[in-house]
Amino acid sequence: LRCTPAHPSIYPHTLTFTLHWPCRSATSNSSMHLSRGVSLPLLALVLLGVAASWSSPVDALKVIGAGLPRTGTATTKKALEILGFGPCYHMFVILEGGRSEDISTFVNASKGQEVDFRRVYKDFNSAVDFPTAMYYKELMELYPEAKVVLTVRKVEDWHESVRTTIREFSRPGSLTRSAFALSPYMTHFLELADSIWNVFFEGRIEDREWAIGKYHSWVAEVKRSVPAEKLLVFDVREGWEPLCKFLGVPVPSDDFPHENAGSDLRLRLFLTKAILVLAGLGAVALVAFVCVRICRALFTSSKPQQQQQQQ
């Protein structure tokens, strides 16, 4: 029995099994029988045992994203998963729900407290977007073999995209934030969002000049902090070639993904606001209808009493 990885760079937990087993021919070459004394259930157990010894749970990040949000992180997430580096952790993972402990971890980290990042990423092979990128240095210490991808884009476009999409969803006083506050989980999520806007961006993300300066200083810091051989500065418009070369994997036949475009997010934001406005108008109309019905009922019920008193 010989076991070899099918493709260690793309499918690190996939094995190719080659069996060399003594056998004898029957009446035709197409009919072969295992040699005597072989138990098929035992053989199955042996194969399962070998597979279990070779495979291991996901316990170490292989790719760490250091790019700011709205720099193509959703596209990079999808690309990494296509290349076999999934599952990939992204803010979307938190928004899907069931990650309250993760939210608390990142909120505590923003306060300078010691946290357990290994618990957060124990089921992931890669991680991009915020809040991950805020702690790329700590993650490099935890996962020294990991490579770092710094996603970038034209800085003016980046700021406009942030201001009109993800910032608008959680901006104080916005309709969407008010709607989020109705859910205990999303209320908890807003603590994380606020820690990003108020700690990392120092409450100044809407100050265009300051935000652009922050973008440039962040990119420069990552370039200084990460060894050149472990860093890829990546614009998703470049497609597969630089990413695959950096990760040492072949270029797939799939088209390069394009996820979470700003126009799509703005459309979702508009639809969300429209739904909330309609829901609010509907609630007002319902309350008005109920009040009218109650007043009418009270008025009609008092009429017979008035007529009896007049008689």
C-alpha atoms as a PDB file:
ATOM      1  CA  LEU A   1       0.000   0.000   0.000  1.00  0.00           C
ATOM      2  CA  ARG A   2       1.482   3.341  -1.062  1.00  0.00           C
ATOM      3  CA  CYS A   3      -0.114   6.683  -0.071  1.00  0.00           C
ATOM      4  CA  THR A   4       0.872   9.922  -1.771  1.00  0.00           C
ATOM      5  CA  PRO A   5      -0.697  13.404  -1.704  1.00  0.00           C
ATOM      6  CA  ALA A   6      -2.732  13.954  -4.883  1.00  0.00           C
ATOM      7  CA  HIS A   7      -1.647  17.594  -5.150  1.00  0.00           C
ATOM      8  CA  PRO A   8      -0.056  18.876  -1.925  1.00  0.00           C
ATOM      9  CA  SER A   9      -0.249  22.558  -2.879  1.00  0.00           C
ATOM     10  CA  ILE A  10      -3.911  22.630  -3.866  1.00  0.00           C
ATOM     11  CA  TYR A  11      -5.465  19.698  -2.018  1.00  0.00           C
ATOM     12  CA  PRO A  12      -3.226  19.219   1.037  1.00  0.00           C
ATOM     13  CA  HIS A  13      -5.504  16.638   2.659  1.00  0.00           C
ATOM     14  CA  THR A  14      -6.254  14.545  -0.412  1.00  0.00           C
ATOM     15  CA  LEU A  15      -4.477  11.203  -0.882  1.00  0.00           C
ATOM     16  CA  THR A  16      -3.934   8.888  -3.796  1.00  0.00           C
ATOM     17  CA  PHE A  17      -3.887   5.225  -2.735  1.00  0.00           C
ATOM     18  CA  THR A  18      -2.000   2.713  -4.857  1.00  0.00           C
ATOM     19  CA  LEU A  19      -2.508  -0.941  -3.949  1.00  0.00           C
ATOM     20  CA  HIS A  20      -0.038  -3.656  -4.934  1.00  0.00           C
ATOM     21  CA  TRP A  21      -1.716  -6.884  -3.850  1.00  0.00           C
ATOM     22  CA  PRO A  22      -0.877 -10.542  -4.601  1.00  0.00           C
ATOM     23  CA  CYS A  23      -3.651 -12.022  -6.729  1.00  0.00           C
ATOM     24  CA  ARG A  24      -4.328 -14.868  -9.084  1.00  0.00           C
ATOM     25  CA  SER A  25      -6.162 -14.946 -12.375  1.00  0.00           C
ATOM     26  CA  ALA A  26      -9.387 -16.849 -12.820  1.00  0.00           C
ATOM     27  CA  THR A  27     -10.823 -17.963 -16.134  1.00  0.00           C
ATOM     28  CA  SER A  28     -10.347 -14.525 -17.645  1.00  0.00           C
ATOM     29  CA  ASN A  29      -7.983 -11.672 -17.066  1.00  0.00           C
ATOM     30  CA  SER A  30     -10.895  -9.393 -16.200  1.00  0.00           C
ATOM     31  CA  SER A  31     -11.806 -11.438 -13.122  1.00  0.00           C
ATOM     32  CA  MET A  32      -9.282 -11.099 -10.292  1.00  0.00           C
ATOM     33  CA  HIS A  33      -9.484 -12.426  -6.715  1.00  0.00           C
ATOM     34  CA  LEU A  34      -7.670 -11.275  -3.582  1.00  0.00           C
ATOM     35  CA  SER A  35      -5.208 -13.838  -2.289  1.00  0.00           C
ATOM     36  CA  ARG A  36      -6.340 -16.216   0.372  1.00  0.00           C
ATOM     37  CA  GLY A  37      -6.684 -15.214   3.972  1.00  0.00           C
ATOM     38  CA  VAL A  38      -7.606 -11.559   3.206  1.00  0.00           C
ATOM     39  CA  SER A  39     -10.535 -10.000   5.071  1.00  0.00           C
ATOM     40  CA  LEU A  40     -12.241  -7.190   3.133  1.00  0.00           C
ATOM     41  CA  PRO A  41     -13.602  -5.514   6.304  1.00  0.00           C
ATOM     42  CA  LEU A  42     -10.076  -5.592   7.736  1.00  0.00           C
ATOM     43  CA  LEU A  43      -8.717  -4.043   4.543  1.00  0.00           C
ATOM     44  CA  ALA A  44     -11.316  -1.266   4.794  1.00  0.00           C
ATOM     45  CA  LEU A  45     -10.291  -0.567   8.384  1.00  0.00           C
ATOM     46  CA  VAL A  46      -6.629  -0.419   7.381  1.00  0.00           C
ATOM     47  CA  LEU A  47      -7.407   2.094   4.630  1.00  0.00           C
ATOM     48  CA  LEU A  48      -9.489   4.227   6.999  1.00  0.00           C
ATOM     49  CA  GLY A  49      -6.726   4.172   9.586  1.00  0.00           C
ATOM     50  CA  VAL A  50      -4.091   5.251   7.077  1.00  0.00           C
ATOM     51  CA  ALA A  51      -6.336   8.043   5.789  1.00  0.00           C
ATOM     52  CA  ALA A  52      -6.999   9.263   9.330  1.00  0.00           C
ATOM     53  CA  SER A  53      -3.304   9.318  10.130  1.00  0.00           C
ATOM     54  CA  TRP A  54      -2.549  11.421   7.039  1.00  0.00           C
ATOM     55  CA  SER A  55      -5.453  13.838   7.289  1.00  0.00           C
ATOM     56  CA  SER A  56      -5.653  16.465   9.992  1.00  0.00           C
ATOM     57  CA  PRO A  57      -8.199  19.124  10.954  1.00  0.00           C
ATOM     58  CA  VAL A  58      -7.713  22.694   9.778  1.00  0.00           C
ATOM     59  CA  ASP A  59      -5.576  24.181  12.523  1.00  0.00           C
ATOM     60  CA  ALA A  60      -3.348  26.786  10.899  1.00  0.00           C
ATOM     61  CA  LEU A  61      -3.915  29.753   8.639  1.00  0.00           C
ATOM     62  CA  LYS A  62      -1.990  29.513   5.389  1.00  0.00           C
ATOM     63  CA  VAL A  63      -2.970  32.935   4.032  1.00  0.00           C
ATOM     64  CA  ILE A  64      -3.500  36.120   6.049  1.00  0.00           C
ATOM     65  CA  GLY A  65      -5.172  39.120   4.423  1.00  0.00           C
ATOM     66  CA  ALA A  66      -3.808  42.511   5.477  1.00  0.00           C
ATOM     67  CA  GLY A  67      -5.878  44.648   3.107  1.00  0.00           C
ATOM     68  CA  LEU A  68      -8.383  47.236   4.285  1.00  0.00           C
ATOM     69  CA  PRO A  69     -12.106  46.587   3.750  1.00  0.00           C
ATOM     70  CA  ARG A  70     -13.474  47.499   0.296  1.00  0.00           C
ATOM     71  CA  THR A  71     -10.170  46.631  -1.427  1.00  0.00           C
ATOM     72  CA  GLY A  72     -11.456  43.461  -3.082  1.00  0.00           C
ATOM     73  CA  THR A  73     -11.481  41.286   0.019  1.00  0.00           C
ATOM     74  CA  ALA A  74     -14.680  39.428  -0.904  1.00  0.00           C
ATOM     75  CA  THR A  75     -13.253  38.654  -4.350  1.00  0.00           C
ATOM     76  CA  THR A  76      -9.985  37.493  -2.757  1.00  0.00           C
ATOM     77  CA  LYS A  77     -11.944  35.277  -0.355  1.00  0.00           C
ATOM     78  CA  LYS A  78     -13.695  33.580  -3.251  1.00  0.00           C
ATOM     79  CA  ALA A  79     -10.453  33.215  -5.223  1.00  0.00           C
ATOM     80  CA  LEU A  80      -8.633  31.626  -2.268  1.00  0.00           C
ATOM     81  CA  GLU A  81     -11.444  29.127  -1.799  1.00  0.00           C
ATOM     82  CA  ILE A  82     -11.341  28.189  -5.481  1.00  0.00           C
ATOM     83  CA  LEU A  83      -7.580  27.622  -5.162  1.00  0.00           C
ATOM     84  CA  GLY A  84      -8.058  25.254  -2.220  1.00  0.00           C
ATOM     85  CA  PHE A  85      -7.261  27.636   0.639  1.00  0.00           C
ATOM     86  CA  GLY A  86     -10.763  27.621   2.052  1.00  0.00           C
ATOM     87  CA  PRO A  87     -12.714  28.003   4.109  1.00  0.00           C
ATOM     88  CA  CYS A  88     -11.739  31.660   4.257  1.00  0.00           C
ATOM     89  CA  TYR A  89     -12.682  33.899   7.201  1.00  0.00           C
ATOM     90  CA  HIS A  90     -14.257  37.254   6.270  1.00  0.00           C
ATOM     91  CA  MET A  91     -16.556  39.784   7.931  1.00  0.00           C
ATOM     92  CA  PHE A  92     -19.356  38.000   6.066  1.00  0.00           C
ATOM     93  CA  VAL A  93     -18.741  34.962   8.297  1.00  0.00           C
ATOM     94  CA  ILE A  94     -19.594  37.070  11.338  1.00  0.00           C
ATOM     95  CA  LEU A  95     -22.631  38.628   9.671  1.00  0.00           C
ATOM     96  CA  GLU A  96     -24.016  35.170   8.898  1.00  0.00           C
ATOM     97  CA  GLY A  97     -24.592  34.731  12.634  1.00  0.00           C
ATOM     98  CA  GLY A  98     -23.522  32.384  15.380  1.00  0.00           C
ATOM     99  CA  ARG A  99     -20.211  34.171  16.000  1.00  0.00           C
ATOM    100  CA  SER A 100     -20.896  36.097  19.210  1.00  0.00           C
ATOM    101  CA  GLU A 101     -17.727  34.739  20.800  1.00  0.00           C
ATOM    102  CA  ASP A 102     -15.711  35.960  17.807  1.00  0.00           C
ATOM    103  CA  ILE A 103     -17.244  39.416  18.128  1.00  0.00           C
ATOM    104  CA  SER A 104     -16.275  39.546  21.805  1.00  0.00           C
ATOM    105  CA  THR A 105     -12.748  38.402  20.939  1.00  0.00           C
ATOM    106  CA  PHE A 106     -12.225  41.188  18.413  1.00  0.00           C
ATOM    107  CA  VAL A 107     -13.850  43.858  20.591  1.00  0.00           C
ATOM    108  CA  ASN A 108     -11.587  42.852  23.497  1.00  0.00           C
ATOM    109  CA  ALA A 109      -8.557  42.839  21.194  1.00  0.00           C
ATOM    110  CA  SER A 110      -9.358  46.414  20.146  1.00  0.00           C
ATOM    111  CA  LYS A 111      -9.146  47.337  23.850  1.00  0.00           C
ATOM    112  CA  GLY A 112      -5.679  45.850  24.106  1.00  0.00           C
ATOM    113  CA  GLN A 113      -6.756  42.743  26.004  1.00  0.00           C
ATOM    114  CA  GLU A 114      -5.133  39.350  25.493  1.00  0.00           C
ATOM    115  CA  VAL A 115      -7.362  37.098  23.362  1.00  0.00           C
ATOM    116  CA  ASP A 116      -7.345  33.630  21.824  1.00  0.00           C
ATOM    117  CA  PHE A 117      -7.137  34.101  18.053  1.00  0.00           C
ATOM    118  CA  ARG A 118      -6.517  30.381  17.509  1.00  0.00           C
ATOM    119  CA  ARG A 119     -10.056  29.657  18.626  1.00  0.00           C
ATOM    120  CA  VAL A 120     -11.447  32.122  16.074  1.00  0.00           C
ATOM    121  CA  TYR A 121      -9.524  30.666  13.115  1.00  0.00           C
ATOM    122  CA  LYS A 122      -9.359  26.995  14.080  1.00  0.00           C
ATOM    123  CA  ASP A 123     -11.664  25.918  11.228  1.00  0.00           C
ATOM    124  CA  PHE A 124     -10.178  28.168   8.536  1.00  0.00           C
ATOM    125  CA  ASN A 125      -7.261  27.925   6.114  1.00  0.00           C
ATOM    126  CA  SER A 126      -7.216  31.619   5.242  1.00  0.00           C
ATOM    127  CA  ALA A 127      -8.625  34.938   6.467  1.00  0.00           C
ATOM    128  CA  VAL A 128      -9.124  38.340   4.831  1.00  0.00           C
ATOM    129  CA  ASP A 129     -10.939  41.643   5.440  1.00  0.00           C
ATOM    130  CA  PHE A 130     -11.518  43.371   8.765  1.00  0.00           C
ATOM    131  CA  PRO A 131     -11.312  42.641  11.607  1.00  0.00           C
ATOM    132  CA  THR A 132      -8.638  40.076  10.615  1.00  0.00           C
ATOM    133  CA  ALA A 133      -6.377  42.584   8.845  1.00  0.00           C
ATOM    134  CA  MET A 134      -6.147  44.754  11.975  1.00  0.00           C
ATOM    135  CA  TYR A 135      -4.239  41.933  13.686  1.00  0.00           C
ATOM    136  CA  TYR A 136      -2.068  40.609  10.859  1.00  0.00           C
ATOM    137  CA  LYS A 137       1.103  41.015  12.950  1.00  0.00           C
ATOM    138  CA  GLU A 138      -0.279  38.936  15.812  1.00  0.00           C
ATOM    139  CA  LEU A 139      -1.473  36.313  13.336  1.00  0.00           C
ATOM    140  CA  MET A 140       1.946  36.159  11.660  1.00  0.00           C
ATOM    141  CA  GLU A 141       3.426  35.288  15.059  1.00  0.00           C
ATOM    142  CA  LEU A 142       0.812  32.581  15.618  1.00  0.00           C
ATOM    143  CA  TYR A 143       1.144  31.184  12.088  1.00  0.00           C
ATOM    144  CA  PRO A 144       4.765  31.818  11.010  1.00  0.00           C
ATOM    145  CA  GLU A 145       4.417  29.735   7.834  1.00  0.00           C
ATOM    146  CA  ALA A 146       1.491  31.783   6.544  1.00  0.00           C
ATOM    147  CA  LYS A 147       1.787  34.131   3.580  1.00  0.00           C
ATOM    148  CA  VAL A 148       0.304  37.631   3.585  1.00  0.00           C
ATOM    149  CA  VAL A 149      -1.845  39.166   0.854  1.00  0.00           C
ATOM    150  CA  LEU A 150      -2.235  42.942   0.921  1.00  0.00           C
ATOM    151  CA  THR A 151      -5.183  43.895  -1.295  1.00  0.00           C
ATOM    152  CA  VAL A 152      -5.074  47.426  -2.713  1.00  0.00           C
ATOM    153  CA  ARG A 153      -7.064  49.691  -5.019  1.00  0.00           C
ATOM    154  CA  LYS A 154      -7.119  53.308  -6.169  1.00  0.00           C
ATOM    155  CA  VAL A 155      -7.326  55.179  -2.882  1.00  0.00           C
ATOM    156  CA  GLU A 156      -9.956  57.744  -3.940  1.00  0.00           C
ATOM    157  CA  ASP A 157     -12.262  54.957  -5.115  1.00  0.00           C
ATOM    158  CA  TRP A 158     -11.612  53.070  -1.897  1.00  0.00           C
ATOM    159  CA  HIS A 159     -12.713  55.934   0.342  1.00  0.00           C
ATOM    160  CA  GLU A 160     -15.846  56.630  -1.682  1.00  0.00           C
ATOM    161  CA  SER A 161     -16.778  52.960  -1.579  1.00  0.00           C
ATOM    162  CA  VAL A 162     -16.294  52.748   2.199  1.00  0.00           C
ATOM    163  CA  ARG A 163     -18.226  55.961   2.834  1.00  0.00           C
ATOM    164  CA  THR A 164     -21.237  55.000   0.715  1.00  0.00           C
ATOM    165  CA  THR A 165     -21.484  51.298   1.622  1.00  0.00           C
ATOM    166  CA  ILE A 166     -20.217  49.685   4.819  1.00  0.00           C
ATOM    167  CA  ARG A 167     -19.992  52.948   6.763  1.00  0.00           C
ATOM    168  CA  GLU A 168     -23.562  53.833   5.846  1.00  0.00           C
ATOM    169  CA  PHE A 169     -24.854  50.524   7.201  1.00  0.00           C
ATOM    170  CA  SER A 170     -23.557  51.252  10.708  1.00  0.00           C
ATOM    171  CA  ARG A 171     -23.482  55.054  10.798  1.00  0.00           C
ATOM    172  CA  PRO A 172     -25.076  56.421  13.997  1.00  0.00           C
ATOM    173  CA  GLY A 173     -28.617  57.610  13.297  1.00  0.00           C
ATOM    174  CA  SER A 174     -28.999  55.621  10.078  1.00  0.00           C
ATOM    175  CA  LEU A 175     -32.114  53.556   9.384  1.00  0.00           C
ATOM    176  CA  THR A 176     -30.085  50.372   8.967  1.00  0.00           C
ATOM    177  CA  ARG A 177     -28.362  50.842  12.321  1.00  0.00           C
ATOM    178  CA  SER A 178     -31.737  51.371  13.985  1.00  0.00           C
ATOM    179  CA  ALA A 179     -32.967  48.144  12.390  1.00  0.00           C
ATOM    180  CA  PHE A 180     -29.839  46.259  13.508  1.00  0.00           C
ATOM    181  CA  ALA A 181     -30.530  47.409  17.076  1.00  0.00           C
ATOM    182  CA  LEU A 182     -33.727  45.325  17.095  1.00  0.00           C
ATOM    183  CA  SER A 183     -31.620  42.149  17.039  1.00  0.00           C
ATOM    184  CA  PRO A 184     -29.483  41.219  20.091  1.00  0.00           C
ATOM    185  CA  TYR A 185     -26.888  39.598  17.815  1.00  0.00           C
ATOM    186  CA  MET A 186     -26.675  42.611  15.487  1.00  0.00           C
ATOM    187  CA  THR A 187     -26.522  44.935  18.492  1.00  0.00           C
ATOM    188  CA  HIS A 188     -23.470  42.950  19.567  1.00  0.00           C
ATOM    189  CA  PHE A 189     -22.119  43.194  16.006  1.00  0.00           C
ATOM    190  CA  LEU A 190     -22.441  46.989  16.148  1.00  0.00           C
ATOM    191  CA  GLU A 191     -19.961  46.948  19.046  1.00  0.00           C
ATOM    192  CA  LEU A 192     -17.452  45.385  16.665  1.00  0.00           C
ATOM    193  CA  ALA A 193     -18.279  47.860  13.903  1.00  0.00           C
ATOM    194  CA  ASP A 194     -17.873  50.763  16.319  1.00  0.00           C
ATOM    195  CA  SER A 195     -14.507  49.430  17.492  1.00  0.00           C
ATOM    196  CA  ILE A 196     -13.316  49.490  13.878  1.00  0.00           C
ATOM    197  CA  TRP A 197     -14.602  52.985  13.105  1.00  0.00           C
ATOM    198  CA  ASN A 198     -13.602  54.532  16.447  1.00  0.00           C
ATOM    199  CA  VAL A 199     -10.343  52.711  17.247  1.00  0.00           C
ATOM    200  CA  PHE A 200      -8.691  51.867  13.930  1.00  0.00           C
ATOM    201  CA  PHE A 201     -10.129  54.800  11.975  1.00  0.00           C
ATOM    202  CA  GLU A 202     -10.177  57.056  15.074  1.00  0.00           C
ATOM    203  CA  GLY A 203     -13.720  58.235  14.319  1.00  0.00           C
ATOM    204  CA  ARG A 204     -12.508  60.060  11.187  1.00  0.00           C
ATOM    205  CA  ILE A 205     -13.377  57.743   8.299  1.00  0.00           C
ATOM    206  CA  GLU A 206     -15.635  60.386   6.737  1.00  0.00           C
ATOM    207  CA  ASP A 207     -12.785  62.914   6.715  1.00  0.00           C
ATOM    208  CA  ARG A 208     -11.574  62.253   3.172  1.00  0.00           C
ATOM    209  CA  GLU A 209      -8.094  63.745   3.491  1.00  0.00           C
ATOM    210  CA  TRP A 210      -7.403  61.994   6.803  1.00  0.00           C
ATOM    211  CA  ALA A 211      -8.777  58.644   5.566  1.00  0.00           C
ATOM    212  CA  ILE A 212      -6.635  58.731   2.421  1.00  0.00           C
ATOM    213  CA  GLY A 213      -3.583  59.415   4.586  1.00  0.00           C
ATOM    214  CA  LYS A 214      -4.530  56.479   6.817  1.00  0.00           C
ATOM    215  CA  TYR A 215      -4.802  54.225   3.769  1.00  0.00           C
ATOM    216  CA  HIS A 216      -1.315  55.146   2.533  1.00  0.00           C
ATOM    217  CA  SER A 217       0.268  54.773   5.972  1.00  0.00           C
ATOM    218  CA  TRP A 218      -1.349  51.350   6.432  1.00  0.00           C
ATOM    219  CA  VAL A 219      -0.055  50.057   3.094  1.00  0.00           C
ATOM    220  CA  ALA A 220       3.428  51.367   3.902  1.00  0.00           C
ATOM    221  CA  GLU A 221       3.368  49.757   7.363  1.00  0.00           C
ATOM    222  CA  VAL A 222       2.411  46.329   5.994  1.00  0.00           C
ATOM    223  CA  LYS A 223       5.179  46.514   3.391  1.00  0.00           C
ATOM    224  CA  ARG A 224       7.711  47.345   6.127  1.00  0.00           C
ATOM    225  CA  SER A 225       6.459  44.675   8.528  1.00  0.00           C
ATOM    226  CA  VAL A 226       6.130  41.628   6.260  1.00  0.00           C
ATOM    227  CA  PRO A 227       9.195  39.985   4.667  1.00  0.00           C
ATOM    228  CA  ALA A 228       9.144  40.546   0.895  1.00  0.00           C
ATOM    229  CA  GLU A 229       9.129  36.822   0.119  1.00  0.00           C
ATOM    230  CA  LYS A 230       5.987  36.362   2.203  1.00  0.00           C
ATOM    231  CA  LEU A 231       4.055  39.371   0.913  1.00  0.00           C
ATOM    232  CA  LEU A 232       1.898  39.869  -2.176  1.00  0.00           C
ATOM    233  CA  VAL A 233       0.571  43.361  -2.892  1.00  0.00           C
ATOM    234  CA  PHE A 234      -2.486  42.426  -4.915  1.00  0.00           C
ATOM    235  CA  ASP A 235      -5.004  44.331  -6.990  1.00  0.00           C
ATOM    236  CA  VAL A 236      -7.891  41.991  -7.851  1.00  0.00           C
ATOM    237  CA  ARG A 237      -7.984  43.481 -11.361  1.00  0.00           C
ATOM    238  CA  GLU A 238      -4.739  41.553 -11.998  1.00  0.00           C
ATOM    239  CA  GLY A 239      -6.642  38.258 -11.913  1.00  0.00           C
ATOM    240  CA  TRP A 240      -5.252  34.796 -11.264  1.00  0.00           C
ATOM    241  CA  GLU A 241      -1.619  35.078 -12.387  1.00  0.00           C
ATOM    242  CA  PRO A 242       0.075  36.950  -9.500  1.00  0.00           C
ATOM    243  CA  LEU A 243      -2.009  35.225  -6.822  1.00  0.00           C
ATOM    244  CA  CYS A 244      -1.375  31.711  -8.152  1.00  0.00           C
ATOM    245  CA  LYS A 245       2.337  32.371  -8.649  1.00  0.00           C
ATOM    246  CA  PHE A 246       2.646  33.703  -5.097  1.00  0.00           C
ATOM    247  CA  LEU A 247       0.832  30.703  -3.598  1.00  0.00           C
ATOM    248  CA  GLY A 248       2.597  28.177  -5.826  1.00  0.00           C
ATOM    249  CA  VAL A 249      -0.510  26.715  -7.417  1.00  0.00           C
ATOM    250  CA  PRO A 250      -1.577  26.339 -11.056  1.00  0.00           C
ATOM    251  CA  VAL A 251      -3.974  28.816 -12.630  1.00  0.00           C
ATOM    252  CA  PRO A 252      -7.476  27.255 -12.591  1.00  0.00           C
ATOM    253  CA  SER A 253      -9.768  27.072 -15.580  1.00  0.00           C
ATOM    254  CA  ASP A 254     -12.459  29.038 -13.717  1.00  0.00           C
ATOM    255  CA  ASP A 255     -12.904  32.709 -14.522  1.00  0.00           C
ATOM    256  CA  PHE A 256     -11.490  34.992 -11.854  1.00  0.00           C
ATOM    257  CA  PRO A 257     -14.350  35.911  -9.469  1.00  0.00           C
ATOM    258  CA  HIS A 258     -15.722  39.392  -8.952  1.00  0.00           C
ATOM    259  CA  GLU A 259     -17.667  39.617  -5.692  1.00  0.00           C
ATOM    260  CA  ASN A 260     -19.470  42.281  -3.671  1.00  0.00           C
ATOM    261  CA  ALA A 261     -19.134  45.204  -6.077  1.00  0.00           C
ATOM    262  CA  GLY A 262     -19.839  48.630  -4.613  1.00  0.00           C
ATOM    263  CA  SER A 263     -22.845  49.085  -6.887  1.00  0.00           C
ATOM    264  CA  ASP A 264     -24.326  45.851  -5.528  1.00  0.00           C
ATOM    265  CA  LEU A 265     -23.836  46.977  -1.939  1.00  0.00           C
ATOM    266  CA  ARG A 266     -25.359  50.370  -2.631  1.00  0.00           C
ATOM    267  CA  LEU A 267     -28.371  48.666  -4.213  1.00  0.00           C
ATOM    268  CA  ARG A 268     -28.757  46.455  -1.133  1.00  0.00           C
ATOM    269  CA  LEU A 269     -28.492  49.521   1.080  1.00  0.00           C
ATOM    270  CA  PHE A 270     -31.163  51.336  -0.941  1.00  0.00           C
ATOM    271  CA  LEU A 271     -33.497  48.333  -0.840  1.00  0.00           C
ATOM    272  CA  THR A 272     -32.919  47.910   2.888  1.00  0.00           C
ATOM    273  CA  LYS A 273     -33.795  51.547   3.527  1.00  0.00           C
ATOM    274  CA  ALA A 274     -36.856  51.295   1.273  1.00  0.00           C
ATOM    275  CA  ILE A 275     -38.085  48.233   3.147  1.00  0.00           C
ATOM    276  CA  LEU A 276     -37.540  49.948   6.503  1.00  0.00           C
ATOM    277  CA  VAL A 277     -39.365  53.083   5.353  1.00  0.00           C
ATOM    278  CA  LEU A 278     -42.277  51.043   4.028  1.00  0.00           C
ATOM    279  CA  ALA A 279     -42.346  49.002   7.213  1.00  0.00           C
ATOM    280  CA  GLY A 280     -42.387  52.205   9.239  1.00  0.00           C
ATOM    281  CA  LEU A 281     -45.181  53.689   7.142  1.00  0.00           C
ATOM    282  CA  GLY A 282     -47.068  50.427   7.417  1.00  0.00           C
ATOM    283  CA  ALA A 283     -46.706  50.456  11.184  1.00  0.00           C
ATOM    284  CA  VAL A 284     -47.945  54.044  11.368  1.00  0.00           C
ATOM    285  CA  ALA A 285     -50.889  53.220   9.117  1.00  0.00           C
ATOM    286  CA  LEU A 286     -51.713  50.172  11.237  1.00  0.00           C
ATOM    287  CA  VAL A 287     -51.643  52.198  14.460  1.00  0.00           C
ATOM    288  CA  ALA A 288     -53.831  54.896  12.870  1.00  0.00           C
ATOM    289  CA  PHE A 289     -56.295  52.278  11.623  1.00  0.00           C
ATOM    290  CA  VAL A 290     -56.542  50.657  15.063  1.00  0.00           C
ATOM    291  CA  CYS A 291     -57.050  54.045  16.748  1.00  0.00           C
ATOM    292  CA  VAL A 292     -59.835  54.969  14.320  1.00  0.00           C
ATOM    293  CA  ARG A 293     -61.551  51.635  14.891  1.00  0.00           C
ATOM    294  CA  ILE A 294     -61.333  52.030  18.672  1.00  0.00           C
ATOM    295  CA  CYS A 295     -62.687  55.578  18.572  1.00  0.00           C
ATOM    296  CA  ARG A 296     -65.505  54.530  16.248  1.00  0.00           C
ATOM    297  CA  ALA A 297     -66.379  51.611  18.534  1.00  0.00           C
ATOM    298  CA  LEU A 298     -66.418  53.856  21.589  1.00  0.00           C
ATOM    299  CA  PHE A 299     -68.552  56.438  19.804  1.00  0.00           C
ATOM    300  CA  THR A 300     -71.102  53.931  18.517  1.00  0.00           C
ATOM    301  CA  SER A 301     -71.330  52.177  21.900  1.00  0.00           C
ATOM    302  CA  SER A 302     -72.122  55.475  23.646  1.00  0.00           C
ATOM    303  CA  LYS A 303     -74.972  56.344  21.245  1.00  0.00           C
ATOM    304  CA  PRO A 304     -77.592  53.955  22.727  1.00  0.00           C
ATOM    305  CA  GLN A 305     -76.839  55.267  26.225  1.00  0.00           C
ATOM    306  CA  GLN A 306     -77.384  58.857  25.058  1.00  0.00           C
ATOM    307  CA  GLN A 307     -80.683  57.907  23.362  1.00  0.00           C
ATOM    308  CA  GLN A 308     -81.940  56.169  26.546  1.00  0.00           C
ATOM    309  CA  GLN A 309     -81.113  59.223  28.641  1.00  0.00           C
ATOM    310  CA  GLN A 310     -83.011  61.485  26.212  1.00  0.00           C
ATOM    311  CA  GLN A 311     -86.115  59.261  26.438  1.00  0.00           C
END
